[in-house]
Amino acid sequence: GCRDTLGLPPVPVAVTLGQAAETAVSFV
């Protein structure tokens, strides 16, 4: 939702907790 709001390209969907962590930390 934040990426869409900011006009940033989508990233691969996280399916594991490790992927979610990587997605969130790299985003912030």
PDB file of all heavy atoms in Angstrom:
ATOM      1  N   GLY A   1       0.814  -1.213   0.000  1.00  0.00           N
ATOM      2  CA  GLY A   1       0.000   0.000   0.000  1.00  0.00           C
ATOM      3  C   GLY A   1       0.848   1.264   0.000  1.00  0.00           C
ATOM      4  O   GLY A   1       0.554   2.217  -0.723  1.00  0.00           O
ATOM      5  N   CYS A   2       1.906   1.257   0.792  1.00  0.00           N
ATOM      6  CA  CYS A   2       2.811   2.416   0.831  1.00  0.00           C
ATOM      7  C   CYS A   2       3.556   2.567  -0.491  1.00  0.00           C
ATOM      8  O   CYS A   2       3.706   3.689  -1.001  1.00  0.00           O
ATOM      9  CB  CYS A   2       3.807   2.289   1.985  1.00  0.00           C
ATOM     10  SG  CYS A   2       3.085   2.562   3.607  1.00  0.00           S
ATOM     11  N   ARG A   3       4.022   1.476  -1.039  1.00  0.00           N
ATOM     12  CA  ARG A   3       4.740   1.532  -2.324  1.00  0.00           C
ATOM     13  C   ARG A   3       3.824   2.085  -3.417  1.00  0.00           C
ATOM     14  O   ARG A   3       4.234   2.914  -4.222  1.00  0.00           O
ATOM     15  CB  ARG A   3       5.296   0.160  -2.703  1.00  0.00           C
ATOM     16  CG  ARG A   3       6.424  -0.325  -1.788  1.00  0.00           C
ATOM     17  CD  ARG A   3       7.035  -1.624  -2.270  1.00  0.00           C
ATOM     18  NE  ARG A   3       7.832  -1.392  -3.460  1.00  0.00           N
ATOM     19  CZ  ARG A   3       9.077  -0.910  -3.464  1.00  0.00           C
ATOM     20  NH1 ARG A   3       9.667  -0.619  -2.323  1.00  0.00           N
ATOM     21  NH2 ARG A   3       9.727  -0.752  -4.600  1.00  0.00           N
ATOM     22  N   ASP A   4       2.574   1.645  -3.455  1.00  0.00           N
ATOM     23  CA  ASP A   4       1.618   2.163  -4.429  1.00  0.00           C
ATOM     24  C   ASP A   4       1.415   3.670  -4.242  1.00  0.00           C
ATOM     25  O   ASP A   4       1.422   4.427  -5.205  1.00  0.00           O
ATOM     26  CB  ASP A   4       0.262   1.447  -4.306  1.00  0.00           C
ATOM     27  CG  ASP A   4       0.274   0.032  -4.835  1.00  0.00           C
ATOM     28  OD1 ASP A   4       1.238  -0.362  -5.535  1.00  0.00           O
ATOM     29  OD2 ASP A   4      -0.687  -0.716  -4.530  1.00  0.00           O
ATOM     30  N   THR A   5       1.225   4.082  -2.998  1.00  0.00           N
ATOM     31  CA  THR A   5       1.028   5.497  -2.690  1.00  0.00           C
ATOM     32  C   THR A   5       2.203   6.341  -3.159  1.00  0.00           C
ATOM     33  O   THR A   5       2.021   7.436  -3.686  1.00  0.00           O
ATOM     34  CB  THR A   5       0.824   5.696  -1.167  1.00  0.00           C
ATOM     35  OG1 THR A   5      -0.389   5.041  -0.780  1.00  0.00           O
ATOM     36  CG2 THR A   5       0.762   7.159  -0.795  1.00  0.00           C
ATOM     37  N   LEU A   6       3.408   5.825  -2.966  1.00  0.00           N
ATOM     38  CA  LEU A   6       4.617   6.569  -3.324  1.00  0.00           C
ATOM     39  C   LEU A   6       4.987   6.422  -4.795  1.00  0.00           C
ATOM     40  O   LEU A   6       5.975   7.010  -5.252  1.00  0.00           O
ATOM     41  CB  LEU A   6       5.785   6.109  -2.443  1.00  0.00           C
ATOM     42  CG  LEU A   6       5.632   6.407  -0.947  1.00  0.00           C
ATOM     43  CD1 LEU A   6       6.733   5.718  -0.151  1.00  0.00           C
ATOM     44  CD2 LEU A   6       5.623   7.909  -0.683  1.00  0.00           C
ATOM     45  N   GLY A   7       4.225   5.622  -5.542  1.00  0.00           N
ATOM     46  CA  GLY A   7       4.524   5.420  -6.953  1.00  0.00           C
ATOM     47  C   GLY A   7       5.764   4.576  -7.192  1.00  0.00           C
ATOM     48  O   GLY A   7       6.410   4.678  -8.236  1.00  0.00           O
ATOM     49  N   LEU A   8       6.086   3.714  -6.230  1.00  0.00           N
ATOM     50  CA  LEU A   8       7.250   2.840  -6.353  1.00  0.00           C
ATOM     51  C   LEU A   8       6.846   1.523  -7.007  1.00  0.00           C
ATOM     52  O   LEU A   8       5.713   1.058  -6.830  1.00  0.00           O
ATOM     53  CB  LEU A   8       7.867   2.567  -4.976  1.00  0.00           C
ATOM     54  CG  LEU A   8       8.364   3.796  -4.220  1.00  0.00           C
ATOM     55  CD1 LEU A   8       8.783   3.416  -2.810  1.00  0.00           C
ATOM     56  CD2 LEU A   8       9.504   4.468  -4.965  1.00  0.00           C
ATOM     57  N   PRO A   9       7.751   0.899  -7.734  1.00  0.00           N
ATOM     58  CA  PRO A   9       7.405  -0.368  -8.380  1.00  0.00           C
ATOM     59  C   PRO A   9       7.156  -1.461  -7.337  1.00  0.00           C
ATOM     60  O   PRO A   9       7.712  -1.424  -6.240  1.00  0.00           O
ATOM     61  CB  PRO A   9       8.637  -0.695  -9.230  1.00  0.00           C
ATOM     62  CG  PRO A   9       9.750   0.091  -8.638  1.00  0.00           C
ATOM     63  CD  PRO A   9       9.138   1.307  -8.007  1.00  0.00           C
ATOM     64  N   PRO A  10       6.315  -2.422  -7.693  1.00  0.00           N
ATOM     65  CA  PRO A  10       6.059  -3.523  -6.758  1.00  0.00           C
ATOM     66  C   PRO A  10       7.309  -4.383  -6.580  1.00  0.00           C
ATOM     67  O   PRO A  10       8.209  -4.372  -7.411  1.00  0.00           O
ATOM     68  CB  PRO A  10       4.940  -4.315  -7.423  1.00  0.00           C
ATOM     69  CG  PRO A  10       5.000  -3.939  -8.861  1.00  0.00           C
ATOM     70  CD  PRO A  10       5.593  -2.569  -8.949  1.00  0.00           C
ATOM     71  N   VAL A  11       7.329  -5.083  -5.468  1.00  0.00           N
ATOM     72  CA  VAL A  11       8.410  -6.033  -5.197  1.00  0.00           C
ATOM     73  C   VAL A  11       7.791  -7.424  -5.143  1.00  0.00           C
ATOM     74  O   VAL A  11       6.585  -7.558  -4.977  1.00  0.00           O
ATOM     75  CB  VAL A  11       9.145  -5.716  -3.865  1.00  0.00           C
ATOM     76  CG1 VAL A  11       9.860  -4.385  -3.964  1.00  0.00           C
ATOM     77  CG2 VAL A  11       8.194  -5.722  -2.693  1.00  0.00           C
ATOM     78  N   PRO A  12       8.605  -8.471  -5.289  1.00  0.00           N
ATOM     79  CA  PRO A  12       8.040  -9.827  -5.189  1.00  0.00           C
ATOM     80  C   PRO A  12       7.291 -10.005  -3.862  1.00  0.00           C
ATOM     81  O   PRO A  12       7.713  -9.494  -2.823  1.00  0.00           O
ATOM     82  CB  PRO A  12       9.274 -10.729  -5.245  1.00  0.00           C
ATOM     83  CG  PRO A  12      10.322  -9.905  -5.921  1.00  0.00           C
ATOM     84  CD  PRO A  12      10.042  -8.485  -5.530  1.00  0.00           C
ATOM     85  N   VAL A  13       6.187 -10.697  -3.927  1.00  0.00           N
ATOM     86  CA  VAL A  13       5.367 -10.899  -2.735  1.00  0.00           C
ATOM     87  C   VAL A  13       6.101 -11.790  -1.740  1.00  0.00           C
ATOM     88  O   VAL A  13       6.613 -12.855  -2.102  1.00  0.00           O
ATOM     89  CB  VAL A  13       4.007 -11.534  -3.123  1.00  0.00           C
ATOM     90  CG1 VAL A  13       3.196 -11.886  -1.884  1.00  0.00           C
ATOM     91  CG2 VAL A  13       3.229 -10.593  -4.020  1.00  0.00           C
ATOM     92  N   ALA A  14       6.142 -11.332  -0.503  1.00  0.00           N
ATOM     93  CA  ALA A  14       6.764 -12.112   0.569  1.00  0.00           C
ATOM     94  C   ALA A  14       5.842 -13.258   0.952  1.00  0.00           C
ATOM     95  O   ALA A  14       4.645 -13.055   1.139  1.00  0.00           O
ATOM     96  CB  ALA A  14       7.031 -11.215   1.774  1.00  0.00           C
ATOM     97  N   VAL A  15       6.403 -14.448   1.076  1.00  0.00           N
ATOM     98  CA  VAL A  15       5.606 -15.603   1.497  1.00  0.00           C
ATOM     99  C   VAL A  15       6.150 -16.218   2.784  1.00  0.00           C
ATOM    100  O   VAL A  15       5.469 -17.011   3.418  1.00  0.00           O
ATOM    101  CB  VAL A  15       5.488 -16.679   0.399  1.00  0.00           C
ATOM    102  CG1 VAL A  15       4.697 -16.154  -0.788  1.00  0.00           C
ATOM    103  CG2 VAL A  15       6.843 -17.162  -0.051  1.00  0.00           C
ATOM    104  N   THR A  16       7.360 -15.842   3.164  1.00  0.00           N
ATOM    105  CA  THR A  16       7.935 -16.338   4.410  1.00  0.00           C
ATOM    106  C   THR A  16       8.209 -15.152   5.332  1.00  0.00           C
ATOM    107  O   THR A  16       8.278 -13.998   4.876  1.00  0.00           O
ATOM    108  CB  THR A  16       9.265 -17.081   4.174  1.00  0.00           C
ATOM    109  OG1 THR A  16      10.247 -16.131   3.718  1.00  0.00           O
ATOM    110  CG2 THR A  16       9.107 -18.205   3.159  1.00  0.00           C
ATOM    111  N   LEU A  17       8.394 -15.444   6.589  1.00  0.00           N
ATOM    112  CA  LEU A  17       8.708 -14.393   7.549  1.00  0.00           C
ATOM    113  C   LEU A  17      10.030 -13.722   7.194  1.00  0.00           C
ATOM    114  O   LEU A  17      10.154 -12.492   7.287  1.00  0.00           O
ATOM    115  CB  LEU A  17       8.749 -14.976   8.967  1.00  0.00           C
ATOM    116  CG  LEU A  17       8.822 -13.970  10.109  1.00  0.00           C
ATOM    117  CD1 LEU A  17       7.647 -13.005  10.083  1.00  0.00           C
ATOM    118  CD2 LEU A  17       8.865 -14.713  11.441  1.00  0.00           C
ATOM    119  N   GLY A  18      11.014 -14.482   6.752  1.00  0.00           N
ATOM    120  CA  GLY A  18      12.298 -13.909   6.349  1.00  0.00           C
ATOM    121  C   GLY A  18      12.150 -12.958   5.173  1.00  0.00           C
ATOM    122  O   GLY A  18      12.768 -11.892   5.144  1.00  0.00           O
ATOM    123  N   GLN A  19      11.327 -13.326   4.200  1.00  0.00           N
ATOM    124  CA  GLN A  19      11.090 -12.446   3.062  1.00  0.00           C
ATOM    125  C   GLN A  19      10.343 -11.185   3.486  1.00  0.00           C
ATOM    126  O   GLN A  19      10.628 -10.085   3.001  1.00  0.00           O
ATOM    127  CB  GLN A  19      10.296 -13.187   1.970  1.00  0.00           C
ATOM    128  CG  GLN A  19      11.077 -14.283   1.299  1.00  0.00           C
ATOM    129  CD  GLN A  19      10.196 -15.192   0.449  1.00  0.00           C
ATOM    130  OE1 GLN A  19       8.997 -15.337   0.692  1.00  0.00           O
ATOM    131  NE2 GLN A  19      10.810 -15.820  -0.551  1.00  0.00           N
ATOM    132  N   ALA A  20       9.386 -11.333   4.396  1.00  0.00           N
ATOM    133  CA  ALA A  20       8.653 -10.170   4.901  1.00  0.00           C
ATOM    134  C   ALA A  20       9.603  -9.224   5.623  1.00  0.00           C
ATOM    135  O   ALA A  20       9.537  -8.002   5.451  1.00  0.00           O
ATOM    136  CB  ALA A  20       7.528 -10.615   5.829  1.00  0.00           C
ATOM    137  N   ALA A  21      10.493  -9.788   6.421  1.00  0.00           N
ATOM    138  CA  ALA A  21      11.473  -8.960   7.137  1.00  0.00           C
ATOM    139  C   ALA A  21      12.345  -8.190   6.155  1.00  0.00           C
ATOM    140  O   ALA A  21      12.557  -6.977   6.302  1.00  0.00           O
ATOM    141  CB  ALA A  21      12.338  -9.835   8.044  1.00  0.00           C
ATOM    142  N   GLU A  22      12.841  -8.890   5.151  1.00  0.00           N
ATOM    143  CA  GLU A  22      13.694  -8.246   4.153  1.00  0.00           C
ATOM    144  C   GLU A  22      12.945  -7.136   3.421  1.00  0.00           C
ATOM    145  O   GLU A  22      13.472  -6.045   3.199  1.00  0.00           O
ATOM    146  CB  GLU A  22      14.198  -9.288   3.159  1.00  0.00           C
ATOM    147  CG  GLU A  22      15.165  -8.734   2.139  1.00  0.00           C
ATOM    148  CD  GLU A  22      15.679  -9.814   1.200  1.00  0.00           C
ATOM    149  OE1 GLU A  22      15.949 -10.937   1.661  1.00  0.00           O
ATOM    150  OE2 GLU A  22      15.805  -9.508   0.002  1.00  0.00           O
ATOM    151  N   THR A  23      11.698  -7.391   3.055  1.00  0.00           N
ATOM    152  CA  THR A  23      10.874  -6.401   2.363  1.00  0.00           C
ATOM    153  C   THR A  23      10.663  -5.162   3.224  1.00  0.00           C
ATOM    154  O   THR A  23      10.840  -4.033   2.759  1.00  0.00           O
ATOM    155  CB  THR A  23       9.511  -7.024   1.980  1.00  0.00           C
ATOM    156  OG1 THR A  23       9.737  -8.094   1.070  1.00  0.00           O
ATOM    157  CG2 THR A  23       8.579  -6.005   1.367  1.00  0.00           C
ATOM    158  N   ALA A  24      10.286  -5.367   4.479  1.00  0.00           N
ATOM    159  CA  ALA A  24       9.996  -4.240   5.367  1.00  0.00           C
ATOM    160  C   ALA A  24      11.250  -3.436   5.685  1.00  0.00           C
ATOM    161  O   ALA A  24      11.238  -2.202   5.628  1.00  0.00           O
ATOM    162  CB  ALA A  24       9.347  -4.744   6.658  1.00  0.00           C
ATOM    163  N   VAL A  25      12.324  -4.113   6.022  1.00  0.00           N
ATOM    164  CA  VAL A  25      13.554  -3.417   6.415  1.00  0.00           C
ATOM    165  C   VAL A  25      14.137  -2.646   5.231  1.00  0.00           C
ATOM    166  O   VAL A  25      14.549  -1.493   5.381  1.00  0.00           O
ATOM    167  CB  VAL A  25      14.579  -4.400   7.027  1.00  0.00           C
ATOM    168  CG1 VAL A  25      15.931  -3.739   7.215  1.00  0.00           C
ATOM    169  CG2 VAL A  25      14.050  -4.930   8.361  1.00  0.00           C
ATOM    170  N   SER A  26      14.151  -3.247   4.060  1.00  0.00           N
ATOM    171  CA  SER A  26      14.696  -2.528   2.904  1.00  0.00           C
ATOM    172  C   SER A  26      13.802  -1.344   2.541  1.00  0.00           C
ATOM    173  O   SER A  26      14.294  -0.285   2.162  1.00  0.00           O
ATOM    174  CB  SER A  26      14.921  -3.451   1.717  1.00  0.00           C
ATOM    175  OG  SER A  26      13.708  -3.957   1.237  1.00  0.00           O
ATOM    176  N   PHE A  27      12.489  -1.498   2.696  1.00  0.00           N
ATOM    177  CA  PHE A  27      11.570  -0.397   2.398  1.00  0.00           C
ATOM    178  C   PHE A  27      11.806   0.785   3.330  1.00  0.00           C
ATOM    179  O   PHE A  27      12.002   1.911   2.875  1.00  0.00           O
ATOM    180  CB  PHE A  27      10.116  -0.868   2.481  1.00  0.00           C
ATOM    181  CG  PHE A  27       9.119   0.231   2.279  1.00  0.00           C
ATOM    182  CD1 PHE A  27       8.917   0.761   1.018  1.00  0.00           C
ATOM    183  CD2 PHE A  27       8.407   0.749   3.340  1.00  0.00           C
ATOM    184  CE1 PHE A  27       8.000   1.798   0.821  1.00  0.00           C
ATOM    185  CE2 PHE A  27       7.503   1.778   3.160  1.00  0.00           C
ATOM    186  CZ  PHE A  27       7.296   2.300   1.899  1.00  0.00           C
ATOM    187  N   VAL A  28      11.788   0.542   4.647  1.00  0.00           N
ATOM    188  CA  VAL A  28      11.939   1.675   5.573  1.00  0.00           C
ATOM    189  C   VAL A  28      13.334   2.282   5.501  1.00  0.00           C
ATOM    190  O   VAL A  28      13.495   3.488   5.715  1.00  0.00           O
ATOM    191  CB  VAL A  28      11.587   1.307   7.030  1.00  0.00           C
ATOM    192  CG1 VAL A  28      10.151   0.817   7.140  1.00  0.00           C
ATOM    193  CG2 VAL A  28      12.541   0.320   7.641  1.00  0.00           C
TER     194      VAL A  28
END
